[in-house]
Amino acid sequence: MEHPLIPRDNSVSDLGRYGTWFICDRADLEAPIKVYNRPEDDAQFASDVAQFAAWHRGNIFPHLNGFRGFDCIRFEFCEGDPTDEEMTGPPA
């Protein structure tokens, strides 16, 4: 089945089971992934990271025309909560 392509410069966001928000300005994860509400428990954070990677691999990756790989991603830990626009993307 042919997958429609997602522009690499589209933003993506996902909420982990333990409340971690992962937001990136680029679908190909070339920009740093902003991390909000990181759990203090390392195991919970690891679980949320794994969930984000699986979500991206299953829902975004098949629609990209290029992806450098998960070994190239960078995290930026942010204080506070993400904005509504960060969570949903810019208005259409």
N, C-alpha and C. Protein backbone atom coordinates (compact mmCIF):
# COMPACT_ATOMS: atom_id res chain seq x y z
N MET A 1 0.84 -1.18 0.00
CA MET A 1 0.00 0.00 0.00
C MET A 1 0.89 1.24 0.00
N GLU A 2 0.58 2.18 -0.84
CA GLU A 2 1.34 3.44 -0.94
C GLU A 2 0.98 4.35 0.22
N HIS A 3 1.99 4.88 0.89
CA HIS A 3 1.77 5.80 2.00
C HIS A 3 1.94 7.23 1.50
N PRO A 4 1.00 8.14 1.82
CA PRO A 4 1.21 9.54 1.46
C PRO A 4 2.37 10.10 2.27
N LEU A 5 3.18 10.94 1.65
CA LEU A 5 4.33 11.50 2.34
C LEU A 5 3.94 12.62 3.29
N ILE A 6 4.62 12.69 4.40
CA ILE A 6 4.47 13.78 5.36
C ILE A 6 5.65 14.72 5.12
N PRO A 7 5.42 16.01 4.95
CA PRO A 7 6.55 16.93 4.81
C PRO A 7 7.47 16.81 6.03
N ARG A 8 8.77 16.73 5.78
CA ARG A 8 9.73 16.54 6.86
C ARG A 8 9.73 17.70 7.84
N ASP A 9 9.28 18.90 7.40
CA ASP A 9 9.28 20.04 8.30
C ASP A 9 7.96 20.21 9.05
N ASN A 10 7.05 19.22 8.97
CA ASN A 10 5.84 19.23 9.81
C ASN A 10 6.24 18.95 11.26
N SER A 11 5.53 19.56 12.19
CA SER A 11 5.80 19.27 13.60
C SER A 11 5.07 18.00 14.01
N VAL A 12 5.59 17.34 15.04
CA VAL A 12 4.96 16.14 15.60
C VAL A 12 4.95 16.27 17.12
N SER A 13 3.96 15.67 17.75
CA SER A 13 3.90 15.65 19.21
C SER A 13 3.20 14.38 19.67
N ASP A 14 3.60 13.93 20.85
CA ASP A 14 3.00 12.72 21.41
C ASP A 14 3.09 12.81 22.93
N LEU A 15 2.09 12.27 23.60
CA LEU A 15 2.02 12.25 25.06
C LEU A 15 2.25 10.83 25.54
N GLY A 16 3.25 10.65 26.41
CA GLY A 16 3.55 9.33 26.95
C GLY A 16 2.60 8.93 28.07
N ARG A 17 2.59 7.67 28.37
CA ARG A 17 1.72 7.11 29.41
C ARG A 17 1.92 7.78 30.77
N TYR A 18 3.17 8.16 31.07
CA TYR A 18 3.47 8.75 32.37
C TYR A 18 3.48 10.27 32.33
N GLY A 19 2.91 10.86 31.28
CA GLY A 19 2.72 12.30 31.24
C GLY A 19 3.81 13.10 30.56
N THR A 20 4.77 12.44 29.94
CA THR A 20 5.84 13.15 29.24
C THR A 20 5.35 13.58 27.87
N TRP A 21 5.50 14.88 27.58
CA TRP A 21 5.20 15.39 26.25
C TRP A 21 6.48 15.40 25.43
N PHE A 22 6.40 14.87 24.20
CA PHE A 22 7.50 14.92 23.24
C PHE A 22 7.02 15.75 22.06
N ILE A 23 7.71 16.85 21.78
CA ILE A 23 7.30 17.76 20.71
C ILE A 23 8.52 18.10 19.87
N CYS A 24 8.38 17.94 18.57
CA CYS A 24 9.49 18.25 17.68
C CYS A 24 8.97 19.09 16.52
N ASP A 25 9.73 20.10 16.15
CA ASP A 25 9.33 20.99 15.06
C ASP A 25 9.45 20.34 13.69
N ARG A 26 10.05 19.16 13.63
CA ARG A 26 10.23 18.46 12.36
C ARG A 26 9.83 17.00 12.50
N ALA A 27 9.07 16.48 11.54
CA ALA A 27 8.64 15.08 11.57
C ALA A 27 9.81 14.12 11.44
N ASP A 28 10.90 14.57 10.81
CA ASP A 28 12.08 13.70 10.66
C ASP A 28 13.01 13.77 11.87
N LEU A 29 12.60 14.49 12.90
CA LEU A 29 13.31 14.63 14.18
C LEU A 29 14.70 15.24 14.02
N GLU A 30 14.91 16.03 12.97
CA GLU A 30 16.19 16.72 12.78
C GLU A 30 16.36 17.85 13.80
N ALA A 31 15.26 18.45 14.26
CA ALA A 31 15.31 19.48 15.31
C ALA A 31 15.30 18.77 16.66
N PRO A 32 15.77 19.44 17.71
CA PRO A 32 15.71 18.81 19.04
C PRO A 32 14.26 18.49 19.43
N ILE A 33 14.09 17.37 20.10
CA ILE A 33 12.78 16.98 20.62
C ILE A 33 12.62 17.64 21.98
N LYS A 34 11.63 18.51 22.10
CA LYS A 34 11.36 19.17 23.38
C LYS A 34 10.63 18.19 24.29
N VAL A 35 11.12 18.07 25.51
CA VAL A 35 10.56 17.14 26.48
C VAL A 35 9.99 17.96 27.63
N TYR A 36 8.68 17.80 27.87
CA TYR A 36 8.00 18.49 28.98
C TYR A 36 7.47 17.45 29.96
N ASN A 37 7.43 17.81 31.22
CA ASN A 37 6.85 16.98 32.28
C ASN A 37 7.54 15.63 32.42
N ARG A 38 8.88 15.64 32.36
CA ARG A 38 9.64 14.40 32.51
C ARG A 38 9.39 13.83 33.90
N PRO A 39 9.00 12.54 34.00
CA PRO A 39 8.82 11.93 35.31
C PRO A 39 10.16 11.86 36.06
N GLU A 40 10.11 11.94 37.37
CA GLU A 40 11.34 11.80 38.15
C GLU A 40 11.86 10.37 38.12
N ASP A 41 10.97 9.43 37.98
CA ASP A 41 11.36 8.01 37.93
C ASP A 41 11.97 7.70 36.55
N ASP A 42 13.22 7.24 36.54
CA ASP A 42 13.91 6.97 35.28
C ASP A 42 13.23 5.86 34.47
N ALA A 43 12.68 4.86 35.15
CA ALA A 43 12.01 3.77 34.45
C ALA A 43 10.75 4.28 33.73
N GLN A 44 10.02 5.19 34.37
CA GLN A 44 8.84 5.76 33.72
C GLN A 44 9.24 6.61 32.52
N PHE A 45 10.31 7.38 32.67
CA PHE A 45 10.77 8.19 31.54
C PHE A 45 11.24 7.29 30.40
N ALA A 46 11.97 6.23 30.71
CA ALA A 46 12.42 5.30 29.68
C ALA A 46 11.23 4.67 28.96
N SER A 47 10.19 4.36 29.71
CA SER A 47 8.98 3.79 29.11
C SER A 47 8.34 4.79 28.15
N ASP A 48 8.26 6.06 28.55
CA ASP A 48 7.69 7.09 27.68
C ASP A 48 8.54 7.31 26.43
N VAL A 49 9.88 7.27 26.56
CA VAL A 49 10.76 7.41 25.39
C VAL A 49 10.54 6.25 24.43
N ALA A 50 10.47 5.03 24.97
CA ALA A 50 10.23 3.86 24.13
C ALA A 50 8.87 3.96 23.42
N GLN A 51 7.87 4.43 24.14
CA GLN A 51 6.54 4.60 23.54
C GLN A 51 6.58 5.62 22.41
N PHE A 52 7.28 6.74 22.63
CA PHE A 52 7.40 7.77 21.60
C PHE A 52 8.11 7.20 20.36
N ALA A 53 9.19 6.48 20.57
CA ALA A 53 9.93 5.91 19.44
C ALA A 53 9.05 4.92 18.67
N ALA A 54 8.30 4.09 19.37
CA ALA A 54 7.41 3.13 18.70
C ALA A 54 6.30 3.85 17.95
N TRP A 55 5.73 4.89 18.57
CA TRP A 55 4.68 5.68 17.91
C TRP A 55 5.23 6.32 16.63
N HIS A 56 6.41 6.92 16.72
CA HIS A 56 7.01 7.56 15.55
C HIS A 56 7.30 6.53 14.47
N ARG A 57 7.85 5.39 14.85
CA ARG A 57 8.20 4.35 13.88
C ARG A 57 6.96 3.81 13.18
N GLY A 58 5.88 3.66 13.91
CA GLY A 58 4.67 3.09 13.32
C GLY A 58 3.79 4.08 12.58
N ASN A 59 3.81 5.36 13.00
CA ASN A 59 2.85 6.33 12.44
C ASN A 59 3.47 7.41 11.57
N ILE A 60 4.71 7.76 11.80
CA ILE A 60 5.33 8.86 11.07
C ILE A 60 6.38 8.34 10.08
N PHE A 61 7.27 7.49 10.55
CA PHE A 61 8.37 6.99 9.73
C PHE A 61 7.94 6.47 8.36
N PRO A 62 6.87 5.66 8.28
CA PRO A 62 6.50 5.13 6.96
C PRO A 62 6.12 6.21 5.94
N HIS A 63 5.81 7.41 6.43
CA HIS A 63 5.36 8.49 5.56
C HIS A 63 6.45 9.50 5.25
N LEU A 64 7.66 9.27 5.75
CA LEU A 64 8.76 10.22 5.53
C LEU A 64 9.57 9.83 4.30
N ASN A 65 10.11 10.82 3.65
CA ASN A 65 11.02 10.58 2.54
C ASN A 65 12.44 10.86 3.05
N GLY A 66 12.86 10.13 4.06
CA GLY A 66 14.17 10.29 4.65
C GLY A 66 14.10 10.44 6.15
N PHE A 67 14.95 9.68 6.84
CA PHE A 67 15.04 9.73 8.29
C PHE A 67 16.43 9.23 8.66
N ARG A 68 17.18 10.03 9.42
CA ARG A 68 18.56 9.68 9.75
C ARG A 68 18.67 8.58 10.78
N GLY A 69 17.66 8.36 11.57
CA GLY A 69 17.68 7.29 12.55
C GLY A 69 17.58 7.81 13.97
N PHE A 70 17.17 6.93 14.86
CA PHE A 70 16.97 7.31 16.26
C PHE A 70 18.29 7.60 16.97
N ASP A 71 19.41 7.14 16.43
CA ASP A 71 20.69 7.43 17.07
C ASP A 71 21.12 8.88 16.87
N CYS A 72 20.41 9.62 16.03
CA CYS A 72 20.76 11.02 15.74
C CYS A 72 19.84 12.02 16.44
N ILE A 73 18.86 11.55 17.21
CA ILE A 73 17.93 12.50 17.84
C ILE A 73 18.57 13.18 19.04
N ARG A 74 18.06 14.38 19.34
CA ARG A 74 18.52 15.16 20.49
C ARG A 74 17.31 15.57 21.30
N PHE A 75 17.47 15.56 22.61
CA PHE A 75 16.40 15.97 23.51
C PHE A 75 16.74 17.33 24.12
N GLU A 76 15.72 18.16 24.28
CA GLU A 76 15.83 19.45 24.96
C GLU A 76 14.81 19.42 26.09
N PHE A 77 15.27 19.39 27.33
CA PHE A 77 14.37 19.31 28.48
C PHE A 77 13.87 20.70 28.83
N CYS A 78 12.54 20.85 28.88
CA CYS A 78 11.90 22.15 29.06
C CYS A 78 11.15 22.19 30.39
N GLU A 79 11.10 23.36 30.98
CA GLU A 79 10.36 23.57 32.22
C GLU A 79 8.91 23.94 31.88
N GLY A 80 8.01 23.68 32.81
CA GLY A 80 6.61 24.07 32.62
C GLY A 80 5.88 23.13 31.68
N ASP A 81 4.79 23.64 31.14
CA ASP A 81 3.94 22.86 30.24
C ASP A 81 4.08 23.37 28.82
N PRO A 82 3.86 22.50 27.83
CA PRO A 82 3.90 22.95 26.44
C PRO A 82 2.70 23.85 26.14
N THR A 83 2.84 24.71 25.14
CA THR A 83 1.72 25.55 24.73
C THR A 83 0.72 24.72 23.93
N ASP A 84 -0.49 25.22 23.79
CA ASP A 84 -1.50 24.52 22.99
C ASP A 84 -1.03 24.34 21.56
N GLU A 85 -0.37 25.37 21.00
CA GLU A 85 0.10 25.27 19.62
C GLU A 85 1.18 24.21 19.49
N GLU A 86 2.06 24.09 20.48
CA GLU A 86 3.08 23.04 20.43
C GLU A 86 2.46 21.65 20.44
N MET A 87 1.39 21.49 21.22
CA MET A 87 0.76 20.18 21.34
C MET A 87 -0.03 19.79 20.10
N THR A 88 -0.59 20.77 19.42
CA THR A 88 -1.48 20.45 18.29
C THR A 88 -0.94 20.88 16.94
N GLY A 89 0.11 21.69 16.90
CA GLY A 89 0.64 22.19 15.64
C GLY A 89 0.00 23.54 15.31
N PRO A 90 0.57 24.22 14.33
CA PRO A 90 0.04 25.54 13.96
C PRO A 90 -1.37 25.43 13.37
N PRO A 91 -2.16 26.49 13.48
CA PRO A 91 -3.51 26.45 12.91
C PRO A 91 -3.45 26.22 11.40
N ALA A 92 -4.44 25.53 10.90
CA ALA A 92 -4.49 25.21 9.45
C ALA A 92 -4.92 26.44 8.65
